Amino acid sequence: MDTLVEGLTFPDGARWHDRHLWFSDTHAGEVLAYDPVTGSLNTVAEVPGRPAGLGFLPDGRLLIVSTRDLLVLRRESDGTLVVHADLSGVATWYLRDMCVDRLGRAYVGNDGDDSDPPRPPRPADLAMIEPDGTVHDVATSMMLAGGMVVTSDGGTLIVAETRSTPGRLTGFTIEPDGSLEQRRVIAEFDAAVHPDGLTIDAEDGVWVASPFGDEVFRVDAEGVITDRLPAPHPYSLALGGADGRDLFVCTSGTWIPEEAEEDRSGAVSRIRVRVPAAQA
């Protein structure tokens, strides 16, 4: 692993866009953009409500999950932040990751409640936000929806259910109106695996962050694990770089906010992989 950025609280929501790696430093309340060519790191937004999931609308505007406010914010072209959607009607606790599809529809998960492992969480609903900010409840009983990706044909949403037993990747067919149907299990893992951040490659292979297993691994389109790589406490992933074969791995020694703010053990590293990211 090639370490690129250190001294972070809890890097999350990693996305590759416009030749930069974008990610949230959640407990610092910042959204950052890293240029792997120059090594520059710039703050693009300050979010006191704690940013997490990120995504981009078709016109390039950035969407930011503000976890504690139960809001999704939109960064306008002049850098100002406005409310894109209010998820208080769907979310029962803090928001989590977000995935934005090619049509600008955003899927957002939430924690369900404030329970910590090993106590099981309250099952939570998954929200879908239309490009105009309209919110819909599109899936129920998610056991903490962590990372999310959409397949290359735009037809399937894959969600990591971090605190299901066993941990699993769950798939949904995306209907023309953005609603979700045909819920099914894509892959299940052993008891030690709690899948979190996801990213997807050009062959619809899904890279999975396993923070308590200290590894990242790839699941192919048939649900078979094809690759396993060691990584210390990975929580979020993104594929990108000049040729699409850089796997950016966001890690942190702890997910607990108070400890993360004090330790600043968060880092972003890079691993070279075989299959590149799908072309945007």
C-alpha atoms as a PDB file:
ATOM      1  CA  MET A   1       0.000   0.000   0.000  1.00  0.00           C
ATOM      2  CA  ASP A   2       1.188   3.463  -0.937  1.00  0.00           C
ATOM      3  CA  THR A   3       0.107   5.979   1.733  1.00  0.00           C
ATOM      4  CA  LEU A   4      -1.069   9.265   0.191  1.00  0.00           C
ATOM      5  CA  VAL A   5      -2.704  11.249   3.017  1.00  0.00           C
ATOM      6  CA  GLU A   6      -2.339  10.930   6.795  1.00  0.00           C
ATOM      7  CA  GLY A   7      -3.516  12.737   9.932  1.00  0.00           C
ATOM      8  CA  LEU A   8      -7.241  12.457   9.190  1.00  0.00           C
ATOM      9  CA  THR A   9     -10.039  11.726  11.662  1.00  0.00           C
ATOM     10  CA  PHE A  10     -12.235   9.345   9.686  1.00  0.00           C
ATOM     11  CA  PRO A  11     -12.028   9.425   5.867  1.00  0.00           C
ATOM     12  CA  ASP A  12     -15.263   8.231   4.260  1.00  0.00           C
ATOM     13  CA  GLY A  13     -17.426   8.553   1.144  1.00  0.00           C
ATOM     14  CA  ALA A  14     -14.511   8.205  -1.296  1.00  0.00           C
ATOM     15  CA  ARG A  15     -15.304   9.016  -4.946  1.00  0.00           C
ATOM     16  CA  TRP A  16     -13.101   9.472  -8.018  1.00  0.00           C
ATOM     17  CA  HIS A  17     -14.225  12.424 -10.127  1.00  0.00           C
ATOM     18  CA  ASP A  18     -12.559  14.892 -12.492  1.00  0.00           C
ATOM     19  CA  ARG A  19      -9.026  13.517 -11.912  1.00  0.00           C
ATOM     20  CA  HIS A  20      -9.323  13.919  -8.123  1.00  0.00           C
ATOM     21  CA  LEU A  21     -10.153  11.693  -5.190  1.00  0.00           C
ATOM     22  CA  TRP A  22     -12.951  13.296  -3.209  1.00  0.00           C
ATOM     23  CA  PHE A  23     -13.683  12.165   0.342  1.00  0.00           C
ATOM     24  CA  SER A  24     -15.161  13.311   3.640  1.00  0.00           C
ATOM     25  CA  ASP A  25     -13.038  13.690   6.758  1.00  0.00           C
ATOM     26  CA  THR A  26     -16.157  13.055   8.769  1.00  0.00           C
ATOM     27  CA  HIS A  27     -15.264  14.038  12.319  1.00  0.00           C
ATOM     28  CA  ALA A  28     -13.308  17.075  11.123  1.00  0.00           C
ATOM     29  CA  GLY A  29     -16.415  18.320   9.290  1.00  0.00           C
ATOM     30  CA  GLU A  30     -14.603  18.697   5.966  1.00  0.00           C
ATOM     31  CA  VAL A  31     -14.907  17.461   2.396  1.00  0.00           C
ATOM     32  CA  LEU A  32     -11.522  17.204   0.688  1.00  0.00           C
ATOM     33  CA  ALA A  33     -10.237  16.745  -2.867  1.00  0.00           C
ATOM     34  CA  TYR A  34      -6.858  15.097  -3.432  1.00  0.00           C
ATOM     35  CA  ASP A  35      -4.853  15.365  -6.661  1.00  0.00           C
ATOM     36  CA  PRO A  36      -2.646  12.252  -6.948  1.00  0.00           C
ATOM     37  CA  VAL A  37      -0.487  13.896  -9.624  1.00  0.00           C
ATOM     38  CA  THR A  38       0.552  16.958  -7.612  1.00  0.00           C
ATOM     39  CA  GLY A  39      -0.152  15.610  -4.118  1.00  0.00           C
ATOM     40  CA  SER A  40      -2.277  18.669  -3.303  1.00  0.00           C
ATOM     41  CA  LEU A  41      -5.130  18.348  -0.818  1.00  0.00           C
ATOM     42  CA  ASN A  42      -7.833  21.004  -0.786  1.00  0.00           C
ATOM     43  CA  THR A  43     -10.882  21.590   1.400  1.00  0.00           C
ATOM     44  CA  VAL A  44     -13.905  22.013  -0.868  1.00  0.00           C
ATOM     45  CA  ALA A  45     -16.649  22.216   1.780  1.00  0.00           C
ATOM     46  CA  GLU A  46     -17.091  22.560   5.525  1.00  0.00           C
ATOM     47  CA  VAL A  47     -20.030  20.599   6.943  1.00  0.00           C
ATOM     48  CA  PRO A  48     -20.571  21.010  10.707  1.00  0.00           C
ATOM     49  CA  GLY A  49     -23.230  18.268  10.607  1.00  0.00           C
ATOM     50  CA  ARG A  50     -20.474  15.725   9.806  1.00  0.00           C
ATOM     51  CA  PRO A  51     -20.123  14.786   6.120  1.00  0.00           C
ATOM     52  CA  ALA A  52     -20.100  11.163   4.972  1.00  0.00           C
ATOM     53  CA  GLY A  53     -21.392   9.886   1.614  1.00  0.00           C
ATOM     54  CA  LEU A  54     -20.578  11.866  -1.522  1.00  0.00           C
ATOM     55  CA  GLY A  55     -21.809  11.775  -5.105  1.00  0.00           C
ATOM     56  CA  PHE A  56     -22.058  13.890  -8.230  1.00  0.00           C
ATOM     57  CA  LEU A  57     -25.032  15.022 -10.278  1.00  0.00           C
ATOM     58  CA  PRO A  58     -24.787  14.668 -14.073  1.00  0.00           C
ATOM     59  CA  ASP A  59     -23.844  18.354 -14.340  1.00  0.00           C
ATOM     60  CA  GLY A  60     -20.903  17.853 -11.948  1.00  0.00           C
ATOM     61  CA  ARG A  61     -22.343  19.439  -8.821  1.00  0.00           C
ATOM     62  CA  LEU A  62     -21.340  17.682  -5.623  1.00  0.00           C
ATOM     63  CA  LEU A  63     -23.860  16.109  -3.249  1.00  0.00           C
ATOM     64  CA  ILE A  64     -22.832  15.689   0.397  1.00  0.00           C
ATOM     65  CA  VAL A  65     -24.529  13.681   3.135  1.00  0.00           C
ATOM     66  CA  SER A  66     -24.691  15.725   6.351  1.00  0.00           C
ATOM     67  CA  THR A  67     -25.098  12.816   8.724  1.00  0.00           C
ATOM     68  CA  ARG A  68     -26.397  14.421  11.919  1.00  0.00           C
ATOM     69  CA  ASP A  69     -28.690  16.934  10.190  1.00  0.00           C
ATOM     70  CA  LEU A  70     -30.390  14.176   8.134  1.00  0.00           C
ATOM     71  CA  LEU A  71     -29.764  16.351   5.082  1.00  0.00           C
ATOM     72  CA  VAL A  72     -28.157  15.963   1.689  1.00  0.00           C
ATOM     73  CA  LEU A  73     -26.432  19.186   0.690  1.00  0.00           C
ATOM     74  CA  ARG A  74     -25.585  20.367  -2.811  1.00  0.00           C
ATOM     75  CA  ARG A  75     -22.445  22.318  -3.627  1.00  0.00           C
ATOM     76  CA  GLU A  76     -23.218  24.901  -6.290  1.00  0.00           C
ATOM     77  CA  SER A  77     -20.750  25.984  -8.957  1.00  0.00           C
ATOM     78  CA  ASP A  78     -19.711  29.008  -6.868  1.00  0.00           C
ATOM     79  CA  GLY A  79     -18.908  26.776  -3.867  1.00  0.00           C
ATOM     80  CA  THR A  80     -21.972  27.613  -1.778  1.00  0.00           C
ATOM     81  CA  LEU A  81     -23.880  24.823  -0.037  1.00  0.00           C
ATOM     82  CA  VAL A  82     -27.659  24.519  -0.261  1.00  0.00           C
ATOM     83  CA  VAL A  83     -30.085  21.869   0.968  1.00  0.00           C
ATOM     84  CA  HIS A  84     -30.753  19.328  -1.775  1.00  0.00           C
ATOM     85  CA  ALA A  85     -33.032  17.060   0.287  1.00  0.00           C
ATOM     86  CA  ASP A  86     -34.313  16.540   3.842  1.00  0.00           C
ATOM     87  CA  LEU A  87     -34.395  12.868   4.829  1.00  0.00           C
ATOM     88  CA  SER A  88     -35.958  13.287   8.272  1.00  0.00           C
ATOM     89  CA  GLY A  89     -39.124  11.643   6.974  1.00  0.00           C
ATOM     90  CA  VAL A  90     -37.263   8.393   6.183  1.00  0.00           C
ATOM     91  CA  ALA A  91     -34.137   8.192   8.353  1.00  0.00           C
ATOM     92  CA  THR A  92     -34.479   7.167  12.004  1.00  0.00           C
ATOM     93  CA  TRP A  93     -30.850   7.919  12.925  1.00  0.00           C
ATOM     94  CA  TYR A  94     -27.687   9.374  11.415  1.00  0.00           C
ATOM     95  CA  LEU A  95     -27.203   9.090   7.663  1.00  0.00           C
ATOM     96  CA  ARG A  96     -24.472   6.968   6.105  1.00  0.00           C
ATOM     97  CA  ASP A  97     -23.186   6.416   2.593  1.00  0.00           C
ATOM     98  CA  MET A  98     -24.741   7.595  -0.655  1.00  0.00           C
ATOM     99  CA  CYS A  99     -24.644   6.418  -4.258  1.00  0.00           C
ATOM    100  CA  VAL A 100     -25.695   8.670  -7.151  1.00  0.00           C
ATOM    101  CA  ASP A 101     -26.623   6.982 -10.427  1.00  0.00           C
ATOM    102  CA  ARG A 102     -26.066   8.286 -13.944  1.00  0.00           C
ATOM    103  CA  LEU A 103     -29.491   9.995 -13.936  1.00  0.00           C
ATOM    104  CA  GLY A 104     -28.732  11.933 -10.752  1.00  0.00           C
ATOM    105  CA  ARG A 105     -30.856   9.825  -8.406  1.00  0.00           C
ATOM    106  CA  ALA A 106     -29.224   9.474  -4.987  1.00  0.00           C
ATOM    107  CA  TYR A 107     -29.657   6.449  -2.720  1.00  0.00           C
ATOM    108  CA  VAL A 108     -28.911   7.089   0.963  1.00  0.00           C
ATOM    109  CA  GLY A 109     -28.782   4.760   3.975  1.00  0.00           C
ATOM    110  CA  ASN A 110     -28.979   5.453   7.702  1.00  0.00           C
ATOM    111  CA  ASP A 111     -27.913   3.760  10.928  1.00  0.00           C
ATOM    112  CA  GLY A 112     -31.411   2.974  12.183  1.00  0.00           C
ATOM    113  CA  ASP A 113     -30.524   3.805  15.791  1.00  0.00           C
ATOM    114  CA  ASP A 114     -27.570   4.565  18.066  1.00  0.00           C
ATOM    115  CA  SER A 115     -26.815   0.948  19.013  1.00  0.00           C
ATOM    116  CA  ASP A 116     -23.249  -0.335  18.990  1.00  0.00           C
ATOM    117  CA  PRO A 117     -22.116  -3.897  18.240  1.00  0.00           C
ATOM    118  CA  PRO A 118     -22.728  -6.576  19.380  1.00  0.00           C
ATOM    119  CA  ARG A 119     -26.253  -5.266  20.031  1.00  0.00           C
ATOM    120  CA  PRO A 120     -28.132  -5.511  16.712  1.00  0.00           C
ATOM    121  CA  PRO A 121     -29.296  -2.252  15.126  1.00  0.00           C
ATOM    122  CA  ARG A 122     -32.829  -1.202  14.415  1.00  0.00           C
ATOM    123  CA  PRO A 123     -33.641  -2.102  10.807  1.00  0.00           C
ATOM    124  CA  ALA A 124     -33.737   1.069   8.704  1.00  0.00           C
ATOM    125  CA  ASP A 125     -35.217   2.211   5.409  1.00  0.00           C
ATOM    126  CA  LEU A 126     -33.291   3.260   2.329  1.00  0.00           C
ATOM    127  CA  ALA A 127     -34.096   6.625   0.740  1.00  0.00           C
ATOM    128  CA  MET A 128     -33.993   7.622  -2.925  1.00  0.00           C
ATOM    129  CA  ILE A 129     -33.706  11.301  -3.840  1.00  0.00           C
ATOM    130  CA  GLU A 130     -34.789  12.422  -7.277  1.00  0.00           C
ATOM    131  CA  PRO A 131     -32.643  15.047  -9.033  1.00  0.00           C
ATOM    132  CA  ASP A 132     -35.122  17.753  -8.008  1.00  0.00           C
ATOM    133  CA  GLY A 133     -34.772  16.811  -4.322  1.00  0.00           C
ATOM    134  CA  THR A 134     -37.977  14.793  -3.942  1.00  0.00           C
ATOM    135  CA  VAL A 135     -37.477  11.984  -1.397  1.00  0.00           C
ATOM    136  CA  HIS A 136     -38.913   8.453  -1.597  1.00  0.00           C
ATOM    137  CA  ASP A 137     -38.678   5.480   0.772  1.00  0.00           C
ATOM    138  CA  VAL A 138     -37.553   2.666  -1.561  1.00  0.00           C
ATOM    139  CA  ALA A 139     -36.464  -0.260   0.670  1.00  0.00           C
ATOM    140  CA  THR A 140     -37.211  -1.382   4.208  1.00  0.00           C
ATOM    141  CA  SER A 141     -35.470  -3.417   6.910  1.00  0.00           C
ATOM    142  CA  MET A 142     -31.864  -2.698   5.908  1.00  0.00           C
ATOM    143  CA  MET A 143     -29.379  -3.845   8.533  1.00  0.00           C
ATOM    144  CA  LEU A 144     -27.233  -0.711   8.346  1.00  0.00           C
ATOM    145  CA  ALA A 145     -26.766   0.117   4.677  1.00  0.00           C
ATOM    146  CA  GLY A 146     -23.055   0.856   4.345  1.00  0.00           C
ATOM    147  CA  GLY A 147     -21.463   1.167   0.928  1.00  0.00           C
ATOM    148  CA  MET A 148     -23.523   1.214  -2.266  1.00  0.00           C
ATOM    149  CA  VAL A 149     -22.699   0.891  -5.974  1.00  0.00           C
ATOM    150  CA  VAL A 150     -24.650   0.704  -9.246  1.00  0.00           C
ATOM    151  CA  THR A 151     -23.702  -1.814 -11.939  1.00  0.00           C
ATOM    152  CA  SER A 152     -22.351  -0.644 -15.285  1.00  0.00           C
ATOM    153  CA  ASP A 153     -25.705  -1.048 -17.057  1.00  0.00           C
ATOM    154  CA  GLY A 154     -27.401   1.143 -14.455  1.00  0.00           C
ATOM    155  CA  GLY A 155     -29.848  -1.641 -13.668  1.00  0.00           C
ATOM    156  CA  THR A 156     -28.793  -2.955 -10.246  1.00  0.00           C
ATOM    157  CA  LEU A 157     -28.068  -1.292  -6.911  1.00  0.00           C
ATOM    158  CA  ILE A 158     -25.762  -3.303  -4.642  1.00  0.00           C
ATOM    159  CA  VAL A 159     -25.770  -2.474  -0.927  1.00  0.00           C
ATOM    160  CA  ALA A 160     -23.449  -3.665   1.856  1.00  0.00           C
ATOM    161  CA  GLU A 161     -25.588  -4.581   4.862  1.00  0.00           C
ATOM    162  CA  THR A 162     -22.858  -4.024   7.418  1.00  0.00           C
ATOM    163  CA  ARG A 163     -24.598  -5.376  10.486  1.00  0.00           C
ATOM    164  CA  SER A 164     -26.646  -8.190   9.045  1.00  0.00           C
ATOM    165  CA  THR A 165     -25.912 -11.709  10.315  1.00  0.00           C
ATOM    166  CA  PRO A 166     -24.099 -12.928   8.334  1.00  0.00           C
ATOM    167  CA  GLY A 167     -22.760  -9.835   6.580  1.00  0.00           C
ATOM    168  CA  ARG A 168     -23.990  -9.637   3.023  1.00  0.00           C
ATOM    169  CA  LEU A 169     -24.243  -7.746  -0.222  1.00  0.00           C
ATOM    170  CA  THR A 170     -27.863  -7.189  -1.206  1.00  0.00           C
ATOM    171  CA  GLY A 171     -28.977  -6.435  -4.744  1.00  0.00           C
ATOM    172  CA  PHE A 172     -32.028  -4.565  -6.053  1.00  0.00           C
ATOM    173  CA  THR A 173     -33.284  -4.081  -9.589  1.00  0.00           C
ATOM    174  CA  ILE A 174     -33.592  -0.354 -10.313  1.00  0.00           C
ATOM    175  CA  GLU A 175     -36.908   0.343 -12.006  1.00  0.00           C
ATOM    176  CA  PRO A 176     -37.253   3.148 -14.609  1.00  0.00           C
ATOM    177  CA  ASP A 177     -38.664   5.492 -11.952  1.00  0.00           C
ATOM    178  CA  GLY A 178     -35.777   4.760  -9.562  1.00  0.00           C
ATOM    179  CA  SER A 179     -37.750   2.497  -7.238  1.00  0.00           C
ATOM    180  CA  LEU A 180     -36.181  -0.781  -6.132  1.00  0.00           C
ATOM    181  CA  GLU A 181     -37.564  -4.274  -6.770  1.00  0.00           C
ATOM    182  CA  GLN A 182     -36.426  -7.927  -6.739  1.00  0.00           C
ATOM    183  CA  ARG A 183     -34.420  -7.795  -3.536  1.00  0.00           C
ATOM    184  CA  ARG A 184     -31.897 -10.651  -3.421  1.00  0.00           C
ATOM    185  CA  VAL A 185     -28.634 -11.699  -1.781  1.00  0.00           C
ATOM    186  CA  ILE A 186     -25.588 -11.165  -4.005  1.00  0.00           C
ATOM    187  CA  ALA A 187     -23.055 -12.652  -1.557  1.00  0.00           C
ATOM    188  CA  GLU A 188     -22.870 -13.698   2.086  1.00  0.00           C
ATOM    189  CA  PHE A 189     -19.735 -13.794   4.219  1.00  0.00           C
ATOM    190  CA  ASP A 190     -18.521 -15.480   7.372  1.00  0.00           C
ATOM    191  CA  ALA A 191     -19.217 -14.068  10.816  1.00  0.00           C
ATOM    192  CA  ALA A 192     -15.995 -12.053  10.985  1.00  0.00           C
ATOM    193  CA  VAL A 193     -16.835  -9.971   7.908  1.00  0.00           C
ATOM    194  CA  HIS A 194     -18.883  -6.795   8.284  1.00  0.00           C
ATOM    195  CA  PRO A 195     -18.866  -5.286   4.776  1.00  0.00           C
ATOM    196  CA  ASP A 196     -18.747  -1.501   4.617  1.00  0.00           C
ATOM    197  CA  GLY A 197     -17.504   0.716   1.772  1.00  0.00           C
ATOM    198  CA  LEU A 198     -17.854  -0.528  -1.815  1.00  0.00           C
ATOM    199  CA  THR A 199     -16.535   0.358  -5.238  1.00  0.00           C
ATOM    200  CA  ILE A 200     -17.180  -1.353  -8.573  1.00  0.00           C
ATOM    201  CA  ASP A 201     -14.970  -2.094 -11.583  1.00  0.00           C
ATOM    202  CA  ALA A 202     -15.502  -2.448 -15.328  1.00  0.00           C
ATOM    203  CA  GLU A 203     -16.397  -6.153 -14.984  1.00  0.00           C
ATOM    204  CA  ASP A 204     -18.984  -5.412 -12.271  1.00  0.00           C
ATOM    205  CA  GLY A 205     -16.608  -6.832  -9.690  1.00  0.00           C
ATOM    206  CA  VAL A 206     -17.297  -5.200  -6.329  1.00  0.00           C
ATOM    207  CA  TRP A 207     -14.419  -4.328  -4.001  1.00  0.00           C
ATOM    208  CA  VAL A 208     -15.508  -4.565  -0.373  1.00  0.00           C
ATOM    209  CA  ALA A 209     -13.957  -2.891   2.676  1.00  0.00           C
ATOM    210  CA  SER A 210     -13.845  -5.215   5.697  1.00  0.00           C
ATOM    211  CA  PRO A 211     -12.796  -2.928   8.574  1.00  0.00           C
ATOM    212  CA  PHE A 212     -12.752  -5.586  11.293  1.00  0.00           C
ATOM    213  CA  GLY A 213     -11.130  -8.183   9.049  1.00  0.00           C
ATOM    214  CA  ASP A 214      -8.290  -5.803   8.096  1.00  0.00           C
ATOM    215  CA  GLU A 215      -8.668  -6.491   4.408  1.00  0.00           C
ATOM    216  CA  VAL A 216     -10.325  -5.493   1.173  1.00  0.00           C
ATOM    217  CA  PHE A 217     -11.640  -8.153  -1.173  1.00  0.00           C
ATOM    218  CA  ARG A 218     -13.269  -8.381  -4.590  1.00  0.00           C
ATOM    219  CA  VAL A 219     -16.550 -10.179  -5.305  1.00  0.00           C
ATOM    220  CA  ASP A 220     -17.274 -10.952  -8.962  1.00  0.00           C
ATOM    221  CA  ALA A 221     -20.645 -10.723 -10.690  1.00  0.00           C
ATOM    222  CA  GLU A 222     -21.441 -14.304  -9.611  1.00  0.00           C
ATOM    223  CA  GLY A 223     -20.797 -13.509  -5.933  1.00  0.00           C
ATOM    224  CA  VAL A 224     -17.429 -15.316  -5.765  1.00  0.00           C
ATOM    225  CA  ILE A 225     -14.472 -13.759  -3.934  1.00  0.00           C
ATOM    226  CA  THR A 226     -11.629 -13.461  -6.476  1.00  0.00           C
ATOM    227  CA  ASP A 227      -9.046 -11.295  -4.689  1.00  0.00           C
ATOM    228  CA  ARG A 228      -8.103 -10.508  -1.084  1.00  0.00           C
ATOM    229  CA  LEU A 229      -5.636  -7.812  -0.024  1.00  0.00           C
ATOM    230  CA  PRO A 230      -4.563  -6.808   3.505  1.00  0.00           C
ATOM    231  CA  ALA A 231      -5.463  -3.291   4.659  1.00  0.00           C
ATOM    232  CA  PRO A 232      -5.646  -1.886   8.218  1.00  0.00           C
ATOM    233  CA  HIS A 233      -9.242  -1.021   9.203  1.00  0.00           C
ATOM    234  CA  PRO A 234     -10.573   0.006   5.756  1.00  0.00           C
ATOM    235  CA  TYR A 235     -13.941   1.791   5.714  1.00  0.00           C
ATOM    236  CA  SER A 236     -14.301   3.364   2.265  1.00  0.00           C
ATOM    237  CA  LEU A 237     -13.033   2.602  -1.256  1.00  0.00           C
ATOM    238  CA  ALA A 238     -12.839   4.207  -4.686  1.00  0.00           C
ATOM    239  CA  LEU A 239     -11.403   3.090  -8.025  1.00  0.00           C
ATOM    240  CA  GLY A 240      -9.733   5.701 -10.199  1.00  0.00           C
ATOM    241  CA  GLY A 241      -6.416   7.157 -11.209  1.00  0.00           C
ATOM    242  CA  ALA A 242      -5.050   7.816 -14.678  1.00  0.00           C
ATOM    243  CA  ASP A 243      -5.823   4.299 -15.931  1.00  0.00           C
ATOM    244  CA  GLY A 244      -8.618   3.456 -13.487  1.00  0.00           C
ATOM    245  CA  ARG A 245      -6.547   0.788 -11.721  1.00  0.00           C
ATOM    246  CA  ASP A 246      -5.774   2.697  -8.518  1.00  0.00           C
ATOM    247  CA  LEU A 247      -7.824   1.358  -5.609  1.00  0.00           C
ATOM    248  CA  PHE A 248      -7.980   4.153  -3.028  1.00  0.00           C
ATOM    249  CA  VAL A 249      -8.490   2.810   0.491  1.00  0.00           C
ATOM    250  CA  CYS A 250      -9.686   5.017   3.365  1.00  0.00           C
ATOM    251  CA  THR A 251      -8.635   3.665   6.757  1.00  0.00           C
ATOM    252  CA  SER A 252      -8.907   4.682  10.399  1.00  0.00           C
ATOM    253  CA  GLY A 253      -7.762   3.153  13.667  1.00  0.00           C
ATOM    254  CA  THR A 254     -11.185   3.808  15.193  1.00  0.00           C
ATOM    255  CA  TRP A 255     -14.740   4.651  14.141  1.00  0.00           C
ATOM    256  CA  ILE A 256     -15.598   6.202  17.522  1.00  0.00           C
ATOM    257  CA  PRO A 257     -15.883   9.997  17.005  1.00  0.00           C
ATOM    258  CA  GLU A 258     -14.122  11.139  20.196  1.00  0.00           C
ATOM    259  CA  GLU A 259     -11.221   8.751  19.677  1.00  0.00           C
ATOM    260  CA  ALA A 260     -10.933   9.585  15.974  1.00  0.00           C
ATOM    261  CA  GLU A 261     -10.774  13.319  16.683  1.00  0.00           C
ATOM    262  CA  GLU A 262      -7.999  12.802  19.205  1.00  0.00           C
ATOM    263  CA  ASP A 263      -5.957  10.095  17.476  1.00  0.00           C
ATOM    264  CA  ARG A 264      -6.177  11.343  13.874  1.00  0.00           C
ATOM    265  CA  SER A 265      -5.085   7.908  12.684  1.00  0.00           C
ATOM    266  CA  GLY A 266      -7.121   8.200   9.485  1.00  0.00           C
ATOM    267  CA  ALA A 267      -5.301   7.802   6.183  1.00  0.00           C
ATOM    268  CA  VAL A 268      -5.830   7.326   2.464  1.00  0.00           C
ATOM    269  CA  SER A 269      -3.708   4.731   0.686  1.00  0.00           C
ATOM    270  CA  ARG A 270      -3.480   3.322  -2.817  1.00  0.00           C
ATOM    271  CA  ILE A 271      -3.230  -0.232  -4.151  1.00  0.00           C
ATOM    272  CA  ARG A 272      -2.829  -1.198  -7.798  1.00  0.00           C
ATOM    273  CA  VAL A 273      -5.424  -3.694  -9.026  1.00  0.00           C
ATOM    274  CA  ARG A 274      -6.002  -5.736 -12.168  1.00  0.00           C
ATOM    275  CA  VAL A 275      -9.419  -4.587 -13.427  1.00  0.00           C
ATOM    276  CA  PRO A 276      -9.947  -0.830 -13.910  1.00  0.00           C
ATOM    277  CA  ALA A 277     -12.950   1.252 -12.980  1.00  0.00           C
ATOM    278  CA  ALA A 278     -15.763   1.438 -15.494  1.00  0.00           C
ATOM    279  CA  GLN A 279     -15.657   4.429 -17.796  1.00  0.00           C
ATOM    280  CA  ALA A 280     -17.957   7.235 -16.652  1.00  0.00           C
END
